[in-house]
Amino acid sequence: MSDPVFGISITRIDNEPRPAVWSDMAVVGIIGTAPSADADVFPLNTPVFMYSDDRTKALGLGSTGTVADAINLINAQCRATIKVRHVVNQGETAPGWTAEGRA
């Protein structure tokens, strides 16, 4: 009788070499302000996937706020996969919202 196995057990069936599987796990998460963001492209408090060099989506953020600055700085160094979460400045409310919630 074999010993019990707890956790992961890897059994190699043959001795043939296997190619390495490449996986891109480098995703940048940005939470920031974008006062002139297009609400259809970047809804408030909703993560949106984009590539840092996607000009169409970047134009949807507008040119003001911390998100646009962060993406410009990322593009100055490399190209990246990004999850953007558009929020409002502390003390402000987004259009269509009140301090208590959605209007």
C-alpha atoms as a PDB file:
ATOM      1  CA  MET A   1       0.000   0.000   0.000  1.00  0.00           C
ATOM      2  CA  SER A   2       1.363   3.429  -0.912  1.00  0.00           C
ATOM      3  CA  ASP A   3       1.629   6.369   1.427  1.00  0.00           C
ATOM      4  CA  PRO A   4      -1.228   8.887   1.378  1.00  0.00           C
ATOM      5  CA  VAL A   5      -0.651  12.057  -0.647  1.00  0.00           C
ATOM      6  CA  PHE A   6      -1.655  15.473   0.661  1.00  0.00           C
ATOM      7  CA  GLY A   7      -1.591  18.423  -1.758  1.00  0.00           C
ATOM      8  CA  ILE A   8      -0.325  18.214  -5.316  1.00  0.00           C
ATOM      9  CA  SER A   9       1.262  15.069  -6.692  1.00  0.00           C
ATOM     10  CA  ILE A  10       3.064  15.173 -10.043  1.00  0.00           C
ATOM     11  CA  THR A  11       3.654  11.888 -11.823  1.00  0.00           C
ATOM     12  CA  ARG A  12       5.770  11.918 -14.935  1.00  0.00           C
ATOM     13  CA  ILE A  13       4.577   9.332 -17.433  1.00  0.00           C
ATOM     14  CA  ASP A  14       7.599   9.399 -19.726  1.00  0.00           C
ATOM     15  CA  ASN A  15      11.107  10.825 -19.883  1.00  0.00           C
ATOM     16  CA  GLU A  16      10.623  13.023 -22.961  1.00  0.00           C
ATOM     17  CA  PRO A  17      11.549  16.703 -22.622  1.00  0.00           C
ATOM     18  CA  ARG A  18       8.637  19.118 -22.598  1.00  0.00           C
ATOM     19  CA  PRO A  19       8.641  22.700 -23.889  1.00  0.00           C
ATOM     20  CA  ALA A  20       8.283  25.466 -21.372  1.00  0.00           C
ATOM     21  CA  VAL A  21       4.833  27.011 -21.311  1.00  0.00           C
ATOM     22  CA  TRP A  22       5.010  30.789 -21.368  1.00  0.00           C
ATOM     23  CA  SER A  23       2.418  32.792 -19.515  1.00  0.00           C
ATOM     24  CA  ASP A  24       2.180  36.560 -19.213  1.00  0.00           C
ATOM     25  CA  MET A  25       1.312  37.297 -15.609  1.00  0.00           C
ATOM     26  CA  ALA A  26       2.360  40.937 -15.746  1.00  0.00           C
ATOM     27  CA  VAL A  27      -0.861  42.905 -15.448  1.00  0.00           C
ATOM     28  CA  VAL A  28      -0.759  46.436 -14.081  1.00  0.00           C
ATOM     29  CA  GLY A  29      -3.703  47.530 -11.962  1.00  0.00           C
ATOM     30  CA  ILE A  30      -4.462  51.256 -11.929  1.00  0.00           C
ATOM     31  CA  ILE A  31      -7.040  52.872  -9.680  1.00  0.00           C
ATOM     32  CA  GLY A  32      -7.234  56.573 -10.340  1.00  0.00           C
ATOM     33  CA  THR A  33      -9.184  59.605 -11.411  1.00  0.00           C
ATOM     34  CA  ALA A  34     -10.256  60.488 -14.941  1.00  0.00           C
ATOM     35  CA  PRO A  35     -12.714  63.399 -14.715  1.00  0.00           C
ATOM     36  CA  SER A  36     -13.343  63.573 -18.469  1.00  0.00           C
ATOM     37  CA  ALA A  37     -13.604  59.797 -19.033  1.00  0.00           C
ATOM     38  CA  ASP A  38     -16.239  58.415 -21.386  1.00  0.00           C
ATOM     39  CA  ALA A  39     -18.704  56.640 -19.071  1.00  0.00           C
ATOM     40  CA  ASP A  40     -19.585  54.095 -21.781  1.00  0.00           C
ATOM     41  CA  VAL A  41     -15.953  52.997 -22.182  1.00  0.00           C
ATOM     42  CA  PHE A  42     -14.823  53.450 -18.561  1.00  0.00           C
ATOM     43  CA  PRO A  43     -17.806  53.116 -16.214  1.00  0.00           C
ATOM     44  CA  LEU A  44     -17.245  54.402 -12.710  1.00  0.00           C
ATOM     45  CA  ASN A  45     -15.809  51.849 -10.237  1.00  0.00           C
ATOM     46  CA  THR A  46     -15.647  49.091 -12.859  1.00  0.00           C
ATOM     47  CA  PRO A  47     -12.357  47.431 -13.889  1.00  0.00           C
ATOM     48  CA  VAL A  48     -11.708  47.752 -17.627  1.00  0.00           C
ATOM     49  CA  PHE A  49      -9.084  45.690 -19.495  1.00  0.00           C
ATOM     50  CA  MET A  50      -6.837  47.492 -21.979  1.00  0.00           C
ATOM     51  CA  TYR A  51      -3.337  47.572 -23.401  1.00  0.00           C
ATOM     52  CA  SER A  52      -1.313  50.639 -22.497  1.00  0.00           C
ATOM     53  CA  ASP A  53      -0.775  51.523 -26.161  1.00  0.00           C
ATOM     54  CA  ASP A  54      -4.459  51.228 -27.157  1.00  0.00           C
ATOM     55  CA  ARG A  55      -5.050  54.804 -28.342  1.00  0.00           C
ATOM     56  CA  THR A  56      -8.804  54.303 -28.834  1.00  0.00           C
ATOM     57  CA  LYS A  57      -9.403  53.385 -25.200  1.00  0.00           C
ATOM     58  CA  ALA A  58      -6.840  55.922 -23.956  1.00  0.00           C
ATOM     59  CA  LEU A  59      -8.787  58.685 -25.706  1.00  0.00           C
ATOM     60  CA  GLY A  60     -11.865  57.493 -23.777  1.00  0.00           C
ATOM     61  CA  LEU A  61     -10.053  58.384 -20.540  1.00  0.00           C
ATOM     62  CA  GLY A  62      -9.535  62.007 -21.529  1.00  0.00           C
ATOM     63  CA  SER A  63      -6.321  63.901 -20.884  1.00  0.00           C
ATOM     64  CA  THR A  64      -6.864  64.890 -17.257  1.00  0.00           C
ATOM     65  CA  GLY A  65      -6.618  62.885 -14.071  1.00  0.00           C
ATOM     66  CA  THR A  66      -4.189  60.399 -12.600  1.00  0.00           C
ATOM     67  CA  VAL A  67      -5.040  57.455 -14.879  1.00  0.00           C
ATOM     68  CA  ALA A  68      -3.952  59.257 -18.069  1.00  0.00           C
ATOM     69  CA  ASP A  69      -0.685  60.296 -16.385  1.00  0.00           C
ATOM     70  CA  ALA A  70      -0.011  56.729 -15.196  1.00  0.00           C
ATOM     71  CA  ILE A  71      -0.598  55.264 -18.662  1.00  0.00           C
ATOM     72  CA  ASN A  72       1.684  57.855 -20.265  1.00  0.00           C
ATOM     73  CA  LEU A  73       4.428  56.956 -17.782  1.00  0.00           C
ATOM     74  CA  ILE A  74       3.979  53.231 -18.445  1.00  0.00           C
ATOM     75  CA  ASN A  75       4.201  53.811 -22.211  1.00  0.00           C
ATOM     76  CA  ALA A  76       7.415  55.786 -21.728  1.00  0.00           C
ATOM     77  CA  GLN A  77       9.016  52.580 -20.419  1.00  0.00           C
ATOM     78  CA  CYS A  78       7.230  49.652 -22.110  1.00  0.00           C
ATOM     79  CA  ARG A  79       3.918  48.271 -23.332  1.00  0.00           C
ATOM     80  CA  ALA A  80       1.736  46.667 -20.663  1.00  0.00           C
ATOM     81  CA  THR A  81      -1.544  44.918 -20.047  1.00  0.00           C
ATOM     82  CA  ILE A  82      -3.636  47.096 -17.747  1.00  0.00           C
ATOM     83  CA  LYS A  83      -6.801  46.868 -15.671  1.00  0.00           C
ATOM     84  CA  VAL A  84      -8.113  50.411 -15.111  1.00  0.00           C
ATOM     85  CA  ARG A  85     -10.613  51.316 -12.422  1.00  0.00           C
ATOM     86  CA  HIS A  86     -11.915  54.853 -12.796  1.00  0.00           C
ATOM     87  CA  VAL A  87     -12.868  56.535  -9.504  1.00  0.00           C
ATOM     88  CA  VAL A  88     -13.704  60.102  -8.449  1.00  0.00           C
ATOM     89  CA  ASN A  89     -11.583  62.387  -6.276  1.00  0.00           C
ATOM     90  CA  GLN A  90     -12.185  62.210  -2.547  1.00  0.00           C
ATOM     91  CA  GLY A  91     -14.909  64.648  -1.554  1.00  0.00           C
ATOM     92  CA  GLU A  92     -16.418  64.783  -5.067  1.00  0.00           C
ATOM     93  CA  THR A  93     -19.386  62.925  -6.484  1.00  0.00           C
ATOM     94  CA  ALA A  94     -19.649  61.554  -9.996  1.00  0.00           C
ATOM     95  CA  PRO A  95     -22.351  62.779 -12.369  1.00  0.00           C
ATOM     96  CA  GLY A  96     -25.583  60.908 -11.613  1.00  0.00           C
ATOM     97  CA  TRP A  97     -24.478  60.097  -8.065  1.00  0.00           C
ATOM     98  CA  THR A  98     -25.058  61.693  -4.668  1.00  0.00           C
ATOM     99  CA  ALA A  99     -23.094  61.241  -1.472  1.00  0.00           C
ATOM    100  CA  GLU A 100     -25.566  58.493  -0.496  1.00  0.00           C
ATOM    101  CA  GLY A 101     -25.410  56.582  -3.803  1.00  0.00           C
ATOM    102  CA  ARG A 102     -26.889  56.638  -7.296  1.00  0.00           C
ATOM    103  CA  ALA A 103     -29.307  59.503  -7.856  1.00  0.00           C
END
